[in-house]
Amino acid sequence: MLTPLDNDGVWFRYHTLLAEYLKQRLEADRGIEIPELNGRAALWYASHELWTEAVQHAIAAGASDRAIGWINNCAMALIKRGDLFTLLEWQRQFPRRTDAGSARGQVGDRLGIGAQGYVLMKPCSSQLK
């Protein structure tokens, strides 16, 4: 039911069925506390500079401003590794307002700037190898 993710036995992944069961139990027992738990998880991940996980939990907690700040920390790294889908998924999770001041607009701006930078940098980096 648990799969180790590292050689040190520190990180594990639950089997999908167990994870779904635990999520349902949490929602049934403490549904009102879930945003708070996501907020605490977001802060923990951020303190360990695990930005992708921090952003996911901040979004789940409804902490859009915090999520945007952390997206700024990790957007270029995600783009450099070719992980545009994560950024697009984050953008999809924000409300549909597209003005620059909205969370969705800020993620879109970040994605656009980063994607352009990646396209411009990629040919140069391939020449350096």
Protein backbone atom coordinates (compact mmCIF):
# COMPACT_ATOMS: atom_id res chain seq x y z
CA MET A 1 0.00 0.00 0.00
CA LEU A 2 3.05 2.28 0.35
CA THR A 3 5.74 2.78 -2.29
CA PRO A 4 9.09 4.25 -1.20
CA LEU A 5 10.16 7.28 -3.24
CA ASP A 6 13.72 7.51 -1.98
CA ASN A 7 16.51 5.23 -0.77
CA ASP A 8 16.45 6.70 2.75
CA GLY A 9 12.90 5.58 3.51
CA VAL A 10 11.74 9.14 4.20
CA TRP A 11 9.32 9.73 1.31
CA PHE A 12 6.48 7.38 0.40
CA ARG A 13 3.51 7.38 -1.94
CA TYR A 14 0.19 5.87 -0.99
CA HIS A 15 -1.45 3.40 -3.35
CA THR A 16 -4.18 5.20 -5.32
CA LEU A 17 -7.00 3.31 -3.60
CA LEU A 18 -5.62 3.97 -0.12
CA ALA A 19 -5.08 7.65 -0.93
CA GLU A 20 -8.67 7.98 -2.18
CA TYR A 21 -10.02 6.21 0.92
CA LEU A 22 -8.02 8.47 3.25
CA LYS A 23 -9.18 11.56 1.37
CA GLN A 24 -12.82 10.50 1.69
CA ARG A 25 -12.38 9.85 5.42
CA LEU A 26 -10.78 13.26 5.90
CA GLU A 27 -13.62 14.97 4.03
CA ALA A 28 -16.24 13.08 6.06
CA ASP A 29 -14.58 13.62 9.43
CA ARG A 30 -13.03 17.08 9.08
CA GLY A 31 -14.29 18.59 5.84
CA ILE A 32 -14.39 22.12 7.18
CA GLU A 33 -10.72 21.96 8.19
CA ILE A 34 -9.38 20.88 4.78
CA PRO A 35 -8.52 24.42 3.54
CA GLU A 36 -6.61 25.06 6.77
CA LEU A 37 -4.75 21.76 6.40
CA ASN A 38 -3.87 22.63 2.81
CA GLY A 39 -2.61 26.02 3.98
CA ARG A 40 -0.37 24.40 6.58
CA ALA A 41 0.90 21.88 4.03
CA ALA A 42 1.64 24.73 1.61
CA LEU A 43 3.74 26.53 4.21
CA TRP A 44 5.63 23.34 5.07
CA TYR A 45 6.43 22.61 1.43
CA ALA A 46 7.51 26.21 0.86
CA SER A 47 9.80 26.09 3.89
CA HIS A 48 11.51 23.13 2.20
CA GLU A 49 11.54 24.92 -1.18
CA LEU A 50 9.29 22.28 -2.76
CA TRP A 51 7.53 24.94 -4.81
CA THR A 52 5.35 22.76 -7.02
CA GLU A 53 3.74 21.07 -4.03
CA ALA A 54 3.53 24.38 -2.14
CA VAL A 55 1.64 26.00 -5.02
CA GLN A 56 -0.76 23.05 -5.33
CA HIS A 57 -1.66 23.22 -1.65
CA ALA A 58 -1.91 27.03 -1.65
CA ILE A 59 -4.39 26.86 -4.53
CA ALA A 60 -6.36 24.16 -2.69
CA ALA A 61 -6.39 26.39 0.42
CA GLY A 62 -7.69 29.35 -1.59
CA ALA A 63 -4.51 31.36 -0.99
CA SER A 64 -4.20 32.81 -4.51
CA ASP A 65 -1.74 35.59 -3.64
CA ARG A 66 0.57 33.16 -1.90
CA ALA A 67 0.32 30.72 -4.83
CA ILE A 68 1.20 33.49 -7.31
CA GLY A 69 4.28 34.40 -5.29
CA TRP A 70 5.46 30.81 -5.29
CA ILE A 71 4.69 30.40 -8.98
CA ASN A 72 7.10 33.27 -9.53
CA ASN A 73 9.71 31.24 -7.63
CA CYS A 74 9.39 28.13 -9.77
CA ALA A 75 7.94 29.09 -13.18
CA MET A 76 11.27 29.42 -14.99
CA ALA A 77 12.57 26.15 -13.53
CA LEU A 78 9.43 24.35 -14.73
CA ILE A 79 9.71 25.92 -18.18
CA LYS A 80 13.40 25.02 -18.47
CA ARG A 81 12.55 21.38 -17.75
CA GLY A 82 9.73 21.55 -20.28
CA ASP A 83 6.94 21.24 -17.71
CA LEU A 84 4.50 23.75 -19.21
CA PHE A 85 1.55 21.51 -18.34
CA THR A 86 1.96 22.22 -14.63
CA LEU A 87 1.80 25.97 -15.26
CA LEU A 88 -1.20 25.59 -17.56
CA GLU A 89 -2.97 23.45 -14.95
CA TRP A 90 -2.34 26.08 -12.28
CA GLN A 91 -3.70 28.78 -14.57
CA ARG A 92 -6.81 26.67 -15.21
CA GLN A 93 -7.48 26.46 -11.47
CA PHE A 94 -7.82 30.23 -11.05
CA PRO A 95 -11.05 32.11 -11.83
CA ARG A 96 -11.66 33.00 -15.48
CA ARG A 97 -10.98 36.75 -15.09
CA THR A 98 -8.08 37.53 -17.38
CA ASP A 99 -7.19 41.09 -16.40
CA ALA A 100 -3.55 41.50 -15.40
CA GLY A 101 -4.46 42.03 -11.73
CA SER A 102 -6.29 38.73 -11.41
CA ALA A 103 -4.57 35.56 -10.27
CA ARG A 104 -5.31 33.88 -13.60
CA GLY A 105 -3.93 36.89 -15.48
CA GLN A 106 -0.76 36.87 -13.38
CA VAL A 107 -0.18 33.17 -14.02
CA GLY A 108 -0.80 33.78 -17.72
CA ASP A 109 1.65 36.68 -17.75
CA ARG A 110 4.24 34.57 -15.96
CA LEU A 111 3.70 31.68 -18.36
CA GLY A 112 3.93 33.94 -21.42
CA ILE A 113 7.09 35.65 -20.27
CA GLY A 114 8.68 32.38 -19.24
CA ALA A 115 7.73 30.54 -22.42
CA GLN A 116 9.20 33.31 -24.57
CA GLY A 117 12.38 33.25 -22.51
CA TYR A 118 12.63 29.50 -22.85
CA VAL A 119 12.17 29.61 -26.61
CA LEU A 120 14.85 32.28 -26.89
CA MET A 121 17.25 30.48 -24.55
CA LYS A 122 16.88 26.97 -25.95
CA PRO A 123 18.73 27.54 -29.26
CA CYS A 124 21.54 29.34 -27.41
CA SER A 125 21.91 26.61 -24.79
CA SER A 126 22.07 23.90 -27.45
CA GLN A 127 24.96 25.75 -29.12
CA LEU A 128 26.87 25.88 -25.84
CA LYS A 129 26.97 22.10 -25.46
